[in-house]
């Protein structure tokens, strides 16, 4: 499958592309710093500026059959990138007739009473972008809401049952994102993710 990844040079994006390639997919790797991306038979770098309008973004999607939004501004451009950039990419996908859209979000982004005070502005951006995807599109979306991202080896394990806080290996988050691509049982769902004891494939199969 041809897949577009927005946020290809980010921590999650790099792992995600590797995992999609190993599964045999072709990746259009979108990033502002696309020259940092290594070209291969299965990866084509694409210059992506989420400040551009919907018509411009739509042209970048080319012959993709699915779109991932894993981009983030690290708090520097929350409105334009994390929120409106995501919404515009959703609109671009719909304009191009691309049905599958997978969005990386934040744990409990749709439940304000569970937010961490240190991440309030980030969670507000995710709240509105997740809400737009749920309520204002006809996309076959999946929203993945992991806990705090940690730069540690993946375990291949997870849980979807989380009360307040959790954390995840970035590699495990990327593995879940890659696995979601062709799982129709995850369409139109918001999935919480935390470190756990259930193999990823098994956890996703139960959703």
C-alpha atoms as a PDB file:
ATOM      1  CA  UNK A   1       0.000   0.000   0.000  1.00  0.00           C
ATOM      2  CA  UNK A   2       1.179   3.566  -0.669  1.00  0.00           C
ATOM      3  CA  UNK A   3       1.135   5.493   2.615  1.00  0.00           C
ATOM      4  CA  UNK A   4       1.747   9.169   3.442  1.00  0.00           C
ATOM      5  CA  UNK A   5       3.429   9.911   6.782  1.00  0.00           C
ATOM      6  CA  UNK A   6       3.294  13.496   8.075  1.00  0.00           C
ATOM      7  CA  UNK A   7       6.068  14.013  10.601  1.00  0.00           C
ATOM      8  CA  UNK A   8       8.573  11.651   9.012  1.00  0.00           C
ATOM      9  CA  UNK A   9      11.656  13.054  10.778  1.00  0.00           C
ATOM     10  CA  UNK A  10      10.108  12.973  14.252  1.00  0.00           C
ATOM     11  CA  UNK A  11      10.900  10.413  16.912  1.00  0.00           C
ATOM     12  CA  UNK A  12       7.801   8.328  16.191  1.00  0.00           C
ATOM     13  CA  UNK A  13       7.842   8.986  12.454  1.00  0.00           C
ATOM     14  CA  UNK A  14      11.275   7.479  11.908  1.00  0.00           C
ATOM     15  CA  UNK A  15      10.373   4.244  13.680  1.00  0.00           C
ATOM     16  CA  UNK A  16       7.004   4.141  11.931  1.00  0.00           C
ATOM     17  CA  UNK A  17       8.522   4.412   8.456  1.00  0.00           C
ATOM     18  CA  UNK A  18      10.960   1.592   9.199  1.00  0.00           C
ATOM     19  CA  UNK A  19       8.120  -0.633  10.341  1.00  0.00           C
ATOM     20  CA  UNK A  20       5.885   0.195   7.379  1.00  0.00           C
ATOM     21  CA  UNK A  21       8.734  -0.557   4.971  1.00  0.00           C
ATOM     22  CA  UNK A  22       9.366  -3.925   6.665  1.00  0.00           C
ATOM     23  CA  UNK A  23       5.690  -4.728   6.124  1.00  0.00           C
ATOM     24  CA  UNK A  24       6.127  -4.074   2.403  1.00  0.00           C
ATOM     25  CA  UNK A  25       4.454  -0.661   2.126  1.00  0.00           C
ATOM     26  CA  UNK A  26       5.698   2.309   0.083  1.00  0.00           C
ATOM     27  CA  UNK A  27       6.033   5.516   2.115  1.00  0.00           C
ATOM     28  CA  UNK A  28       5.787   9.148   1.076  1.00  0.00           C
ATOM     29  CA  UNK A  29       7.772  10.642   3.957  1.00  0.00           C
ATOM     30  CA  UNK A  30       6.526  14.169   4.611  1.00  0.00           C
ATOM     31  CA  UNK A  31       8.604  16.648   6.611  1.00  0.00           C
ATOM     32  CA  UNK A  32       9.834  20.237   6.510  1.00  0.00           C
ATOM     33  CA  UNK A  33      13.399  18.905   6.635  1.00  0.00           C
ATOM     34  CA  UNK A  34      12.863  16.294   3.935  1.00  0.00           C
ATOM     35  CA  UNK A  35      16.553  16.335   2.982  1.00  0.00           C
ATOM     36  CA  UNK A  36      17.241  14.466   6.224  1.00  0.00           C
ATOM     37  CA  UNK A  37      15.257  11.486   4.932  1.00  0.00           C
ATOM     38  CA  UNK A  38      17.108   8.738   3.105  1.00  0.00           C
ATOM     39  CA  UNK A  39      15.631   7.927  -0.300  1.00  0.00           C
ATOM     40  CA  UNK A  40      15.088   4.238  -1.100  1.00  0.00           C
ATOM     41  CA  UNK A  41      12.952   2.035  -3.321  1.00  0.00           C
ATOM     42  CA  UNK A  42      10.233   2.183  -0.667  1.00  0.00           C
ATOM     43  CA  UNK A  43      10.678   5.702   0.740  1.00  0.00           C
ATOM     44  CA  UNK A  44      10.231   8.989  -1.127  1.00  0.00           C
ATOM     45  CA  UNK A  45      10.872  12.204   0.845  1.00  0.00           C
ATOM     46  CA  UNK A  46       8.258  14.941   0.384  1.00  0.00           C
ATOM     47  CA  UNK A  47       8.592  18.558   1.468  1.00  0.00           C
ATOM     48  CA  UNK A  48       5.689  19.144   3.863  1.00  0.00           C
ATOM     49  CA  UNK A  49       4.836  22.517   5.383  1.00  0.00           C
ATOM     50  CA  UNK A  50       1.643  22.272   7.431  1.00  0.00           C
ATOM     51  CA  UNK A  51       1.211  26.046   7.152  1.00  0.00           C
ATOM     52  CA  UNK A  52       0.233  25.539   3.493  1.00  0.00           C
ATOM     53  CA  UNK A  53      -3.412  25.458   2.450  1.00  0.00           C
ATOM     54  CA  UNK A  54      -5.547  22.366   1.892  1.00  0.00           C
ATOM     55  CA  UNK A  55      -5.235  22.439  -1.903  1.00  0.00           C
ATOM     56  CA  UNK A  56      -1.441  22.385  -1.667  1.00  0.00           C
ATOM     57  CA  UNK A  57      -1.429  19.571   0.901  1.00  0.00           C
ATOM     58  CA  UNK A  58      -3.823  17.522  -1.214  1.00  0.00           C
ATOM     59  CA  UNK A  59      -1.357  17.538  -4.117  1.00  0.00           C
ATOM     60  CA  UNK A  60       1.322  16.035  -1.873  1.00  0.00           C
ATOM     61  CA  UNK A  61      -0.772  12.987  -1.063  1.00  0.00           C
ATOM     62  CA  UNK A  62      -0.452  11.743  -4.651  1.00  0.00           C
ATOM     63  CA  UNK A  63      -1.609   8.106  -4.932  1.00  0.00           C
ATOM     64  CA  UNK A  64      -1.606   7.362  -1.202  1.00  0.00           C
ATOM     65  CA  UNK A  65      -4.256   5.024   0.155  1.00  0.00           C
ATOM     66  CA  UNK A  66      -3.753   6.011   3.797  1.00  0.00           C
ATOM     67  CA  UNK A  67      -2.431   8.999   5.753  1.00  0.00           C
ATOM     68  CA  UNK A  68      -0.664   9.108   9.106  1.00  0.00           C
ATOM     69  CA  UNK A  69      -0.450  12.285  11.161  1.00  0.00           C
ATOM     70  CA  UNK A  70       2.431  11.881  13.613  1.00  0.00           C
ATOM     71  CA  UNK A  71       3.797  15.423  13.268  1.00  0.00           C
ATOM     72  CA  UNK A  72       4.367  17.691  16.230  1.00  0.00           C
ATOM     73  CA  UNK A  73       5.936  21.038  16.974  1.00  0.00           C
ATOM     74  CA  UNK A  74       7.235  20.156  20.459  1.00  0.00           C
ATOM     75  CA  UNK A  75       5.105  23.004  21.812  1.00  0.00           C
ATOM     76  CA  UNK A  76       6.508  25.648  19.460  1.00  0.00           C
ATOM     77  CA  UNK A  77       3.636  25.879  16.962  1.00  0.00           C
ATOM     78  CA  UNK A  78       0.666  24.116  18.532  1.00  0.00           C
ATOM     79  CA  UNK A  79      -2.125  25.971  16.730  1.00  0.00           C
ATOM     80  CA  UNK A  80      -0.681  25.948  13.220  1.00  0.00           C
ATOM     81  CA  UNK A  81       0.939  22.500  13.259  1.00  0.00           C
ATOM     82  CA  UNK A  82      -0.511  20.200  15.911  1.00  0.00           C
ATOM     83  CA  UNK A  83      -4.087  21.448  15.549  1.00  0.00           C
ATOM     84  CA  UNK A  84      -4.814  23.212  12.258  1.00  0.00           C
ATOM     85  CA  UNK A  85      -2.125  21.315  10.362  1.00  0.00           C
ATOM     86  CA  UNK A  86      -3.806  18.059  11.339  1.00  0.00           C
ATOM     87  CA  UNK A  87      -7.251  19.333  10.370  1.00  0.00           C
ATOM     88  CA  UNK A  88      -6.033  20.562   6.981  1.00  0.00           C
ATOM     89  CA  UNK A  89      -4.415  17.200   6.275  1.00  0.00           C
ATOM     90  CA  UNK A  90      -7.725  15.485   7.100  1.00  0.00           C
ATOM     91  CA  UNK A  91      -9.483  17.801   4.672  1.00  0.00           C
ATOM     92  CA  UNK A  92      -6.814  17.132   2.040  1.00  0.00           C
ATOM     93  CA  UNK A  93      -7.250  13.372   2.458  1.00  0.00           C
ATOM     94  CA  UNK A  94     -11.001  13.686   1.995  1.00  0.00           C
ATOM     95  CA  UNK A  95     -10.509  15.920  -1.027  1.00  0.00           C
ATOM     96  CA  UNK A  96      -8.321  13.230  -2.614  1.00  0.00           C
ATOM     97  CA  UNK A  97     -10.725  10.417  -1.742  1.00  0.00           C
ATOM     98  CA  UNK A  98      -8.337   8.807   0.756  1.00  0.00           C
ATOM     99  CA  UNK A  99     -10.424   7.026   3.371  1.00  0.00           C
ATOM    100  CA  UNK A 100      -7.886   5.801   5.924  1.00  0.00           C
ATOM    101  CA  UNK A 101      -6.463   8.319   8.403  1.00  0.00           C
ATOM    102  CA  UNK A 102      -4.455   7.411  11.512  1.00  0.00           C
ATOM    103  CA  UNK A 103      -3.671  10.122  14.040  1.00  0.00           C
ATOM    104  CA  UNK A 104      -1.175  10.080  16.883  1.00  0.00           C
ATOM    105  CA  UNK A 105      -2.621  11.959  19.834  1.00  0.00           C
ATOM    106  CA  UNK A 106      -2.097  12.172  23.588  1.00  0.00           C
ATOM    107  CA  UNK A 107      -3.436  10.047  26.445  1.00  0.00           C
ATOM    108  CA  UNK A 108      -6.929  11.211  27.501  1.00  0.00           C
ATOM    109  CA  UNK A 109      -6.803  14.117  25.037  1.00  0.00           C
ATOM    110  CA  UNK A 110     -10.608  14.010  24.825  1.00  0.00           C
ATOM    111  CA  UNK A 111     -11.050  13.903  28.620  1.00  0.00           C
ATOM    112  CA  UNK A 112      -9.916  17.304  29.985  1.00  0.00           C
ATOM    113  CA  UNK A 113     -10.363  16.313  33.625  1.00  0.00           C
ATOM    114  CA  UNK A 114      -7.550  13.765  33.177  1.00  0.00           C
ATOM    115  CA  UNK A 115      -5.022  16.166  31.685  1.00  0.00           C
ATOM    116  CA  UNK A 116      -1.624  16.830  33.144  1.00  0.00           C
ATOM    117  CA  UNK A 117      -1.253  20.542  33.987  1.00  0.00           C
ATOM    118  CA  UNK A 118       2.187  20.629  32.386  1.00  0.00           C
ATOM    119  CA  UNK A 119       0.729  19.627  29.012  1.00  0.00           C
ATOM    120  CA  UNK A 120      -2.480  21.655  28.985  1.00  0.00           C
ATOM    121  CA  UNK A 121      -1.812  23.657  25.798  1.00  0.00           C
ATOM    122  CA  UNK A 122      -0.686  20.531  23.933  1.00  0.00           C
ATOM    123  CA  UNK A 123      -3.755  18.630  25.069  1.00  0.00           C
ATOM    124  CA  UNK A 124      -6.028  21.488  23.991  1.00  0.00           C
ATOM    125  CA  UNK A 125      -4.563  21.233  20.485  1.00  0.00           C
ATOM    126  CA  UNK A 126      -5.052  17.475  20.478  1.00  0.00           C
ATOM    127  CA  UNK A 127      -8.551  17.777  21.928  1.00  0.00           C
ATOM    128  CA  UNK A 128      -9.739  19.905  19.033  1.00  0.00           C
ATOM    129  CA  UNK A 129      -7.912  17.991  16.290  1.00  0.00           C
ATOM    130  CA  UNK A 130      -9.194  14.653  17.622  1.00  0.00           C
ATOM    131  CA  UNK A 131     -12.693  16.086  17.934  1.00  0.00           C
ATOM    132  CA  UNK A 132     -12.583  17.349  14.347  1.00  0.00           C
ATOM    133  CA  UNK A 133     -11.506  13.933  13.095  1.00  0.00           C
ATOM    134  CA  UNK A 134     -14.309  12.222  15.017  1.00  0.00           C
ATOM    135  CA  UNK A 135     -17.140  14.639  14.360  1.00  0.00           C
ATOM    136  CA  UNK A 136     -16.387  16.541  11.159  1.00  0.00           C
ATOM    137  CA  UNK A 137     -15.004  13.945   8.746  1.00  0.00           C
ATOM    138  CA  UNK A 138     -16.198  10.763   7.049  1.00  0.00           C
ATOM    139  CA  UNK A 139     -12.727   9.232   7.245  1.00  0.00           C
ATOM    140  CA  UNK A 140     -12.058   5.699   8.453  1.00  0.00           C
ATOM    141  CA  UNK A 141      -9.965   7.102  11.256  1.00  0.00           C
ATOM    142  CA  UNK A 142      -8.140   5.620  14.192  1.00  0.00           C
ATOM    143  CA  UNK A 143      -6.857   7.895  16.945  1.00  0.00           C
ATOM    144  CA  UNK A 144      -4.051   6.450  19.061  1.00  0.00           C
ATOM    145  CA  UNK A 145      -3.622   8.117  22.448  1.00  0.00           C
ATOM    146  CA  UNK A 146      -0.445   6.843  24.140  1.00  0.00           C
ATOM    147  CA  UNK A 147       0.972   7.866  27.475  1.00  0.00           C
ATOM    148  CA  UNK A 148       4.279   9.675  27.899  1.00  0.00           C
ATOM    149  CA  UNK A 149       6.799   8.708  25.224  1.00  0.00           C
ATOM    150  CA  UNK A 150      10.066   7.184  26.406  1.00  0.00           C
ATOM    151  CA  UNK A 151      13.260   6.596  24.443  1.00  0.00           C
ATOM    152  CA  UNK A 152      13.750   3.008  25.511  1.00  0.00           C
ATOM    153  CA  UNK A 153      13.660  -0.365  23.731  1.00  0.00           C
ATOM    154  CA  UNK A 154      10.258  -1.658  22.725  1.00  0.00           C
ATOM    155  CA  UNK A 155       8.666  -4.538  24.598  1.00  0.00           C
ATOM    156  CA  UNK A 156       6.032  -5.575  22.052  1.00  0.00           C
ATOM    157  CA  UNK A 157       3.484  -5.324  24.870  1.00  0.00           C
ATOM    158  CA  UNK A 158       0.707  -2.848  25.697  1.00  0.00           C
ATOM    159  CA  UNK A 159      -2.565  -2.206  27.481  1.00  0.00           C
ATOM    160  CA  UNK A 160      -5.630  -0.232  26.426  1.00  0.00           C
ATOM    161  CA  UNK A 161      -7.021   0.049  29.943  1.00  0.00           C
ATOM    162  CA  UNK A 162      -5.592   3.129  31.671  1.00  0.00           C
ATOM    163  CA  UNK A 163      -7.041   5.207  34.497  1.00  0.00           C
ATOM    164  CA  UNK A 164      -4.831   8.280  34.713  1.00  0.00           C
ATOM    165  CA  UNK A 165      -1.185   8.003  33.672  1.00  0.00           C
ATOM    166  CA  UNK A 166       1.040   5.630  31.740  1.00  0.00           C
ATOM    167  CA  UNK A 167       4.077   5.666  29.515  1.00  0.00           C
ATOM    168  CA  UNK A 168       5.226   3.958  26.328  1.00  0.00           C
ATOM    169  CA  UNK A 169       8.360   3.110  24.426  1.00  0.00           C
ATOM    170  CA  UNK A 170       8.427   5.181  21.237  1.00  0.00           C
ATOM    171  CA  UNK A 171       9.213   1.990  19.331  1.00  0.00           C
ATOM    172  CA  UNK A 172       6.094   0.298  20.723  1.00  0.00           C
ATOM    173  CA  UNK A 173       3.955   3.280  19.730  1.00  0.00           C
ATOM    174  CA  UNK A 174       5.317   3.069  16.189  1.00  0.00           C
ATOM    175  CA  UNK A 175       4.632  -0.664  16.104  1.00  0.00           C
ATOM    176  CA  UNK A 176       1.018  -0.122  17.117  1.00  0.00           C
ATOM    177  CA  UNK A 177       0.597   2.617  14.510  1.00  0.00           C
ATOM    178  CA  UNK A 178       1.960   0.334  11.789  1.00  0.00           C
ATOM    179  CA  UNK A 179      -0.296  -2.520  12.899  1.00  0.00           C
ATOM    180  CA  UNK A 180      -3.378  -0.290  12.828  1.00  0.00           C
ATOM    181  CA  UNK A 181      -3.102   0.382   9.102  1.00  0.00           C
ATOM    182  CA  UNK A 182      -5.035  -2.615   7.808  1.00  0.00           C
ATOM    183  CA  UNK A 183      -7.115  -3.483  10.877  1.00  0.00           C
ATOM    184  CA  UNK A 184     -10.696  -2.565  10.008  1.00  0.00           C
ATOM    185  CA  UNK A 185     -11.796  -3.386  13.559  1.00  0.00           C
ATOM    186  CA  UNK A 186     -10.016  -0.190  14.660  1.00  0.00           C
ATOM    187  CA  UNK A 187     -11.899   2.110  12.275  1.00  0.00           C
ATOM    188  CA  UNK A 188     -13.781   4.976  13.964  1.00  0.00           C
ATOM    189  CA  UNK A 189     -12.100   4.264  17.297  1.00  0.00           C
ATOM    190  CA  UNK A 190     -10.025   6.117  19.871  1.00  0.00           C
ATOM    191  CA  UNK A 191      -7.458   3.783  21.407  1.00  0.00           C
ATOM    192  CA  UNK A 192      -5.688   4.448  24.692  1.00  0.00           C
ATOM    193  CA  UNK A 193      -2.214   2.945  24.942  1.00  0.00           C
ATOM    194  CA  UNK A 194       0.001   2.311  27.907  1.00  0.00           C
ATOM    195  CA  UNK A 195       2.794  -0.050  28.849  1.00  0.00           C
ATOM    196  CA  UNK A 196       1.292  -3.408  29.721  1.00  0.00           C
ATOM    197  CA  UNK A 197       1.534  -7.180  29.515  1.00  0.00           C
ATOM    198  CA  UNK A 198      -0.542  -8.010  26.419  1.00  0.00           C
ATOM    199  CA  UNK A 199       1.176  -8.637  23.053  1.00  0.00           C
ATOM    200  CA  UNK A 200       0.367  -5.789  20.660  1.00  0.00           C
ATOM    201  CA  UNK A 201      -1.304  -8.000  18.039  1.00  0.00           C
ATOM    202  CA  UNK A 202      -3.479  -9.632  20.666  1.00  0.00           C
ATOM    203  CA  UNK A 203      -4.509  -6.329  22.244  1.00  0.00           C
ATOM    204  CA  UNK A 204      -5.497  -4.832  18.879  1.00  0.00           C
ATOM    205  CA  UNK A 205      -7.391  -7.931  17.821  1.00  0.00           C
ATOM    206  CA  UNK A 206      -9.637  -7.592  20.877  1.00  0.00           C
ATOM    207  CA  UNK A 207     -10.764  -4.037  20.071  1.00  0.00           C
END
